[in-house]
């Protein structure tokens, strides 16, 4: 079976400067919107893919209804097995390990999984990626520097979407996509 997943943990506070909102509820709403677009866009072009939102908190009825509309399964998985330190600003990113452990324990060895950041948008079929990962791990790095043409397009699109410069520091950190056979995910 083919899977696509993204994960989202709820922090106790917003500690990172990249998030324009310092209130947790506003930040979570932004990430939930991103996760919705991410997984709904995957489902739009890949009807045979099981989409998973893995989170450590219960969603509101609004969000449960929205994700159900696209047949996206919401999985509640506790956070805490892989915490580095509460002092680490990006501590919440360690939730990916809890989510990956859940995926590894849930799917079969011959299944294929694409794990995405919440800010990924799918624009066509992922069939070739699923085929490619039959015997390989695919790691995608779009080199997030300002000299990269993809990054320039992201920034220009943000300027078109927010002409009033609502978010002046448009910065993108981290990876975007991990594609692998389930058997590799076992740890």
C-alpha atoms as a PDB file:
ATOM      1  CA  UNK A   1       0.000   0.000   0.000  1.00  0.00           C
ATOM      2  CA  UNK A   2       1.068   3.594  -0.599  1.00  0.00           C
ATOM      3  CA  UNK A   3       1.063   6.080   2.265  1.00  0.00           C
ATOM      4  CA  UNK A   4       1.715   9.801   2.605  1.00  0.00           C
ATOM      5  CA  UNK A   5       2.090  11.321   6.050  1.00  0.00           C
ATOM      6  CA  UNK A   6       2.816  14.539   7.819  1.00  0.00           C
ATOM      7  CA  UNK A   7       3.122  15.087  11.531  1.00  0.00           C
ATOM      8  CA  UNK A   8       2.382  17.848  13.953  1.00  0.00           C
ATOM      9  CA  UNK A   9       2.976  18.148  17.697  1.00  0.00           C
ATOM     10  CA  UNK A  10       1.597  20.880  19.919  1.00  0.00           C
ATOM     11  CA  UNK A  11       4.321  22.772  21.810  1.00  0.00           C
ATOM     12  CA  UNK A  12       3.792  24.298  25.241  1.00  0.00           C
ATOM     13  CA  UNK A  13       5.100  27.603  23.895  1.00  0.00           C
ATOM     14  CA  UNK A  14       6.399  29.027  20.628  1.00  0.00           C
ATOM     15  CA  UNK A  15      10.172  29.363  21.021  1.00  0.00           C
ATOM     16  CA  UNK A  16      11.403  29.896  17.469  1.00  0.00           C
ATOM     17  CA  UNK A  17      11.770  33.210  15.690  1.00  0.00           C
ATOM     18  CA  UNK A  18      10.579  31.816  12.340  1.00  0.00           C
ATOM     19  CA  UNK A  19       6.973  31.548  13.570  1.00  0.00           C
ATOM     20  CA  UNK A  20       5.232  34.928  13.206  1.00  0.00           C
ATOM     21  CA  UNK A  21       2.731  34.016  15.934  1.00  0.00           C
ATOM     22  CA  UNK A  22       3.842  33.700  19.539  1.00  0.00           C
ATOM     23  CA  UNK A  23       0.501  32.265  20.717  1.00  0.00           C
ATOM     24  CA  UNK A  24       0.400  28.461  20.501  1.00  0.00           C
ATOM     25  CA  UNK A  25      -3.221  28.334  19.290  1.00  0.00           C
ATOM     26  CA  UNK A  26      -2.523  30.677  16.368  1.00  0.00           C
ATOM     27  CA  UNK A  27       0.647  28.803  15.458  1.00  0.00           C
ATOM     28  CA  UNK A  28      -1.186  25.456  15.560  1.00  0.00           C
ATOM     29  CA  UNK A  29      -3.962  26.826  13.356  1.00  0.00           C
ATOM     30  CA  UNK A  30      -1.347  27.837  10.781  1.00  0.00           C
ATOM     31  CA  UNK A  31       0.308  24.405  10.880  1.00  0.00           C
ATOM     32  CA  UNK A  32      -3.068  22.632  10.657  1.00  0.00           C
ATOM     33  CA  UNK A  33      -3.949  24.691   7.583  1.00  0.00           C
ATOM     34  CA  UNK A  34      -0.609  23.731   6.037  1.00  0.00           C
ATOM     35  CA  UNK A  35      -1.087  20.048   6.900  1.00  0.00           C
ATOM     36  CA  UNK A  36      -4.572  20.133   5.396  1.00  0.00           C
ATOM     37  CA  UNK A  37      -3.342  21.624   2.119  1.00  0.00           C
ATOM     38  CA  UNK A  38      -0.405  19.189   2.076  1.00  0.00           C
ATOM     39  CA  UNK A  39      -2.456  16.015   2.511  1.00  0.00           C
ATOM     40  CA  UNK A  40      -5.534  17.149   0.566  1.00  0.00           C
ATOM     41  CA  UNK A  41      -3.295  18.007  -2.400  1.00  0.00           C
ATOM     42  CA  UNK A  42      -1.691  14.554  -2.207  1.00  0.00           C
ATOM     43  CA  UNK A  43      -5.138  12.931  -2.157  1.00  0.00           C
ATOM     44  CA  UNK A  44      -6.320  15.076  -5.068  1.00  0.00           C
ATOM     45  CA  UNK A  45      -3.666  13.624  -7.398  1.00  0.00           C
ATOM     46  CA  UNK A  46      -3.192  10.209  -5.729  1.00  0.00           C
ATOM     47  CA  UNK A  47      -6.560   8.677  -4.891  1.00  0.00           C
ATOM     48  CA  UNK A  48      -4.978   5.288  -4.094  1.00  0.00           C
ATOM     49  CA  UNK A  49      -2.699   6.761  -1.403  1.00  0.00           C
ATOM     50  CA  UNK A  50      -3.610   6.480   2.277  1.00  0.00           C
ATOM     51  CA  UNK A  51      -2.964   9.909   3.798  1.00  0.00           C
ATOM     52  CA  UNK A  52      -2.106  10.232   7.492  1.00  0.00           C
ATOM     53  CA  UNK A  53      -1.936  13.230   9.790  1.00  0.00           C
ATOM     54  CA  UNK A  54      -0.031  12.149  12.883  1.00  0.00           C
ATOM     55  CA  UNK A  55      -0.478  14.455  15.831  1.00  0.00           C
ATOM     56  CA  UNK A  56      -0.103  14.402  19.610  1.00  0.00           C
ATOM     57  CA  UNK A  57      -3.298  16.337  20.349  1.00  0.00           C
ATOM     58  CA  UNK A  58      -7.002  15.976  19.705  1.00  0.00           C
ATOM     59  CA  UNK A  59      -8.304  18.009  16.796  1.00  0.00           C
ATOM     60  CA  UNK A  60     -11.361  20.233  17.003  1.00  0.00           C
ATOM     61  CA  UNK A  61     -14.546  19.061  15.290  1.00  0.00           C
ATOM     62  CA  UNK A  62     -13.864  21.629  12.536  1.00  0.00           C
ATOM     63  CA  UNK A  63     -10.499  20.062  11.688  1.00  0.00           C
ATOM     64  CA  UNK A  64     -11.731  16.470  12.047  1.00  0.00           C
ATOM     65  CA  UNK A  65     -14.497  17.242   9.545  1.00  0.00           C
ATOM     66  CA  UNK A  66     -12.076  18.951   7.165  1.00  0.00           C
ATOM     67  CA  UNK A  67      -9.614  16.036   7.141  1.00  0.00           C
ATOM     68  CA  UNK A  68     -12.447  13.468   6.816  1.00  0.00           C
ATOM     69  CA  UNK A  69     -13.673  15.293   3.700  1.00  0.00           C
ATOM     70  CA  UNK A  70     -10.539  14.098   1.886  1.00  0.00           C
ATOM     71  CA  UNK A  71     -10.445  10.717   3.612  1.00  0.00           C
ATOM     72  CA  UNK A  72      -7.326  11.686   5.566  1.00  0.00           C
ATOM     73  CA  UNK A  73      -6.807   9.541   8.638  1.00  0.00           C
ATOM     74  CA  UNK A  74      -5.916  11.419  11.824  1.00  0.00           C
ATOM     75  CA  UNK A  75      -3.721   9.365  14.175  1.00  0.00           C
ATOM     76  CA  UNK A  76      -3.109  10.544  17.718  1.00  0.00           C
ATOM     77  CA  UNK A  77       0.356   9.492  18.882  1.00  0.00           C
ATOM     78  CA  UNK A  78       1.927  10.694  22.155  1.00  0.00           C
ATOM     79  CA  UNK A  79       5.079  12.809  22.067  1.00  0.00           C
ATOM     80  CA  UNK A  80       8.000  12.153  24.349  1.00  0.00           C
ATOM     81  CA  UNK A  81      10.125   9.120  23.497  1.00  0.00           C
ATOM     82  CA  UNK A  82      12.782  11.112  21.653  1.00  0.00           C
ATOM     83  CA  UNK A  83      13.092  14.465  23.444  1.00  0.00           C
ATOM     84  CA  UNK A  84      16.570  16.015  23.392  1.00  0.00           C
ATOM     85  CA  UNK A  85      16.097  18.723  26.010  1.00  0.00           C
ATOM     86  CA  UNK A  86      13.369  21.166  26.970  1.00  0.00           C
ATOM     87  CA  UNK A  87      15.967  23.933  26.491  1.00  0.00           C
ATOM     88  CA  UNK A  88      16.380  23.093  22.796  1.00  0.00           C
ATOM     89  CA  UNK A  89      14.256  25.598  20.781  1.00  0.00           C
ATOM     90  CA  UNK A  90      13.488  23.056  18.071  1.00  0.00           C
ATOM     91  CA  UNK A  91      12.632  20.300  20.567  1.00  0.00           C
ATOM     92  CA  UNK A  92       9.183  19.885  19.004  1.00  0.00           C
ATOM     93  CA  UNK A  93      10.813  18.631  15.785  1.00  0.00           C
ATOM     94  CA  UNK A  94      11.807  15.463  17.649  1.00  0.00           C
ATOM     95  CA  UNK A  95       8.154  14.427  17.393  1.00  0.00           C
ATOM     96  CA  UNK A  96       8.997  13.147  13.915  1.00  0.00           C
ATOM     97  CA  UNK A  97      10.754  10.206  15.565  1.00  0.00           C
ATOM     98  CA  UNK A  98       7.659   9.306  17.612  1.00  0.00           C
ATOM     99  CA  UNK A  99       5.573   9.555  14.442  1.00  0.00           C
ATOM    100  CA  UNK A 100       8.024   7.464  12.408  1.00  0.00           C
ATOM    101  CA  UNK A 101       8.028   4.808  15.135  1.00  0.00           C
ATOM    102  CA  UNK A 102       4.213   4.740  14.985  1.00  0.00           C
ATOM    103  CA  UNK A 103       4.321   4.363  11.191  1.00  0.00           C
ATOM    104  CA  UNK A 104       6.924   1.586  11.418  1.00  0.00           C
ATOM    105  CA  UNK A 105       4.766  -0.305  13.909  1.00  0.00           C
ATOM    106  CA  UNK A 106       1.584   0.170  11.869  1.00  0.00           C
ATOM    107  CA  UNK A 107       2.332  -0.506   8.205  1.00  0.00           C
ATOM    108  CA  UNK A 108       3.680  -3.594   6.434  1.00  0.00           C
ATOM    109  CA  UNK A 109       7.258  -4.078   5.224  1.00  0.00           C
ATOM    110  CA  UNK A 110       6.241  -3.976   1.564  1.00  0.00           C
ATOM    111  CA  UNK A 111       4.291  -0.718   1.968  1.00  0.00           C
ATOM    112  CA  UNK A 112       5.755   2.559   0.733  1.00  0.00           C
ATOM    113  CA  UNK A 113       5.646   5.819   2.688  1.00  0.00           C
ATOM    114  CA  UNK A 114       6.293   9.444   1.796  1.00  0.00           C
ATOM    115  CA  UNK A 115       6.858  11.590   4.884  1.00  0.00           C
ATOM    116  CA  UNK A 116       6.451  15.304   4.255  1.00  0.00           C
ATOM    117  CA  UNK A 117       6.760  18.525   6.176  1.00  0.00           C
ATOM    118  CA  UNK A 118       3.419  20.264   6.601  1.00  0.00           C
ATOM    119  CA  UNK A 119       4.369  22.993   4.121  1.00  0.00           C
ATOM    120  CA  UNK A 120       4.659  20.682   1.105  1.00  0.00           C
ATOM    121  CA  UNK A 121       2.077  20.978  -1.682  1.00  0.00           C
ATOM    122  CA  UNK A 122       1.551  18.133  -4.153  1.00  0.00           C
ATOM    123  CA  UNK A 123       1.001  19.214  -7.775  1.00  0.00           C
ATOM    124  CA  UNK A 124       0.785  15.870  -9.584  1.00  0.00           C
ATOM    125  CA  UNK A 125       0.852  12.105  -9.193  1.00  0.00           C
ATOM    126  CA  UNK A 126       3.473  10.627  -6.891  1.00  0.00           C
ATOM    127  CA  UNK A 127       3.523   7.301  -8.776  1.00  0.00           C
ATOM    128  CA  UNK A 128       7.100   7.660  -9.963  1.00  0.00           C
ATOM    129  CA  UNK A 129       8.310   8.299  -6.397  1.00  0.00           C
ATOM    130  CA  UNK A 130       6.541   5.176  -5.140  1.00  0.00           C
ATOM    131  CA  UNK A 131       8.095   3.172  -7.991  1.00  0.00           C
ATOM    132  CA  UNK A 132      11.548   4.601  -7.327  1.00  0.00           C
ATOM    133  CA  UNK A 133      11.440   3.660  -3.671  1.00  0.00           C
ATOM    134  CA  UNK A 134      10.835  -0.016  -4.393  1.00  0.00           C
ATOM    135  CA  UNK A 135      14.492  -0.542  -3.576  1.00  0.00           C
ATOM    136  CA  UNK A 136      15.785   2.847  -2.509  1.00  0.00           C
ATOM    137  CA  UNK A 137      15.445   5.679  -0.043  1.00  0.00           C
ATOM    138  CA  UNK A 138      14.815   9.065  -1.630  1.00  0.00           C
ATOM    139  CA  UNK A 139      15.898  12.163   0.259  1.00  0.00           C
ATOM    140  CA  UNK A 140      14.977  15.475  -1.293  1.00  0.00           C
ATOM    141  CA  UNK A 141      16.957  18.601  -0.589  1.00  0.00           C
ATOM    142  CA  UNK A 142      15.963  21.678  -2.521  1.00  0.00           C
ATOM    143  CA  UNK A 143      18.906  23.614  -1.094  1.00  0.00           C
ATOM    144  CA  UNK A 144      17.045  26.310   0.746  1.00  0.00           C
ATOM    145  CA  UNK A 145      19.579  29.108   0.165  1.00  0.00           C
ATOM    146  CA  UNK A 146      18.431  32.414  -1.294  1.00  0.00           C
ATOM    147  CA  UNK A 147      20.407  31.711  -4.480  1.00  0.00           C
ATOM    148  CA  UNK A 148      18.309  28.638  -5.288  1.00  0.00           C
ATOM    149  CA  UNK A 149      15.752  29.205  -8.070  1.00  0.00           C
ATOM    150  CA  UNK A 150      13.088  27.161  -6.246  1.00  0.00           C
ATOM    151  CA  UNK A 151      13.584  29.278  -3.146  1.00  0.00           C
ATOM    152  CA  UNK A 152      13.356  32.486  -5.197  1.00  0.00           C
ATOM    153  CA  UNK A 153      10.003  31.285  -6.562  1.00  0.00           C
ATOM    154  CA  UNK A 154       8.751  30.478  -3.049  1.00  0.00           C
ATOM    155  CA  UNK A 155       9.686  33.962  -1.851  1.00  0.00           C
ATOM    156  CA  UNK A 156       8.130  35.639  -4.895  1.00  0.00           C
ATOM    157  CA  UNK A 157       4.909  33.661  -4.443  1.00  0.00           C
ATOM    158  CA  UNK A 158       4.819  34.670  -0.790  1.00  0.00           C
ATOM    159  CA  UNK A 159       5.139  38.303  -1.815  1.00  0.00           C
ATOM    160  CA  UNK A 160       2.195  37.869  -4.210  1.00  0.00           C
ATOM    161  CA  UNK A 161       0.101  36.200  -1.506  1.00  0.00           C
ATOM    162  CA  UNK A 162       0.995  38.747   1.195  1.00  0.00           C
ATOM    163  CA  UNK A 163       1.618  42.045  -0.611  1.00  0.00           C
ATOM    164  CA  UNK A 164       1.135  43.970   2.623  1.00  0.00           C
ATOM    165  CA  UNK A 165       4.284  42.200   3.852  1.00  0.00           C
ATOM    166  CA  UNK A 166       2.417  40.532   6.711  1.00  0.00           C
ATOM    167  CA  UNK A 167       5.324  38.131   7.265  1.00  0.00           C
ATOM    168  CA  UNK A 168       8.486  40.097   6.406  1.00  0.00           C
ATOM    169  CA  UNK A 169      10.957  37.362   7.329  1.00  0.00           C
ATOM    170  CA  UNK A 170       9.997  34.608   4.929  1.00  0.00           C
ATOM    171  CA  UNK A 171      12.466  31.933   5.926  1.00  0.00           C
ATOM    172  CA  UNK A 172      12.304  28.245   5.198  1.00  0.00           C
ATOM    173  CA  UNK A 173      14.381  25.879   7.279  1.00  0.00           C
ATOM    174  CA  UNK A 174      14.643  22.119   7.336  1.00  0.00           C
ATOM    175  CA  UNK A 175      13.905  19.312   4.961  1.00  0.00           C
ATOM    176  CA  UNK A 176      10.758  18.788   3.019  1.00  0.00           C
ATOM    177  CA  UNK A 177      10.406  15.191   1.939  1.00  0.00           C
ATOM    178  CA  UNK A 178      11.524  11.714   2.924  1.00  0.00           C
ATOM    179  CA  UNK A 179      10.477   8.773   0.757  1.00  0.00           C
ATOM    180  CA  UNK A 180      11.240   5.216   1.786  1.00  0.00           C
ATOM    181  CA  UNK A 181      10.072   1.622   1.921  1.00  0.00           C
ATOM    182  CA  UNK A 182       8.518   0.738   5.281  1.00  0.00           C
ATOM    183  CA  UNK A 183      11.121  -1.928   6.011  1.00  0.00           C
ATOM    184  CA  UNK A 184      13.817   0.770   6.158  1.00  0.00           C
ATOM    185  CA  UNK A 185      11.804   2.687   8.753  1.00  0.00           C
ATOM    186  CA  UNK A 186      12.055  -0.044  11.393  1.00  0.00           C
ATOM    187  CA  UNK A 187      14.302   0.938  14.289  1.00  0.00           C
END
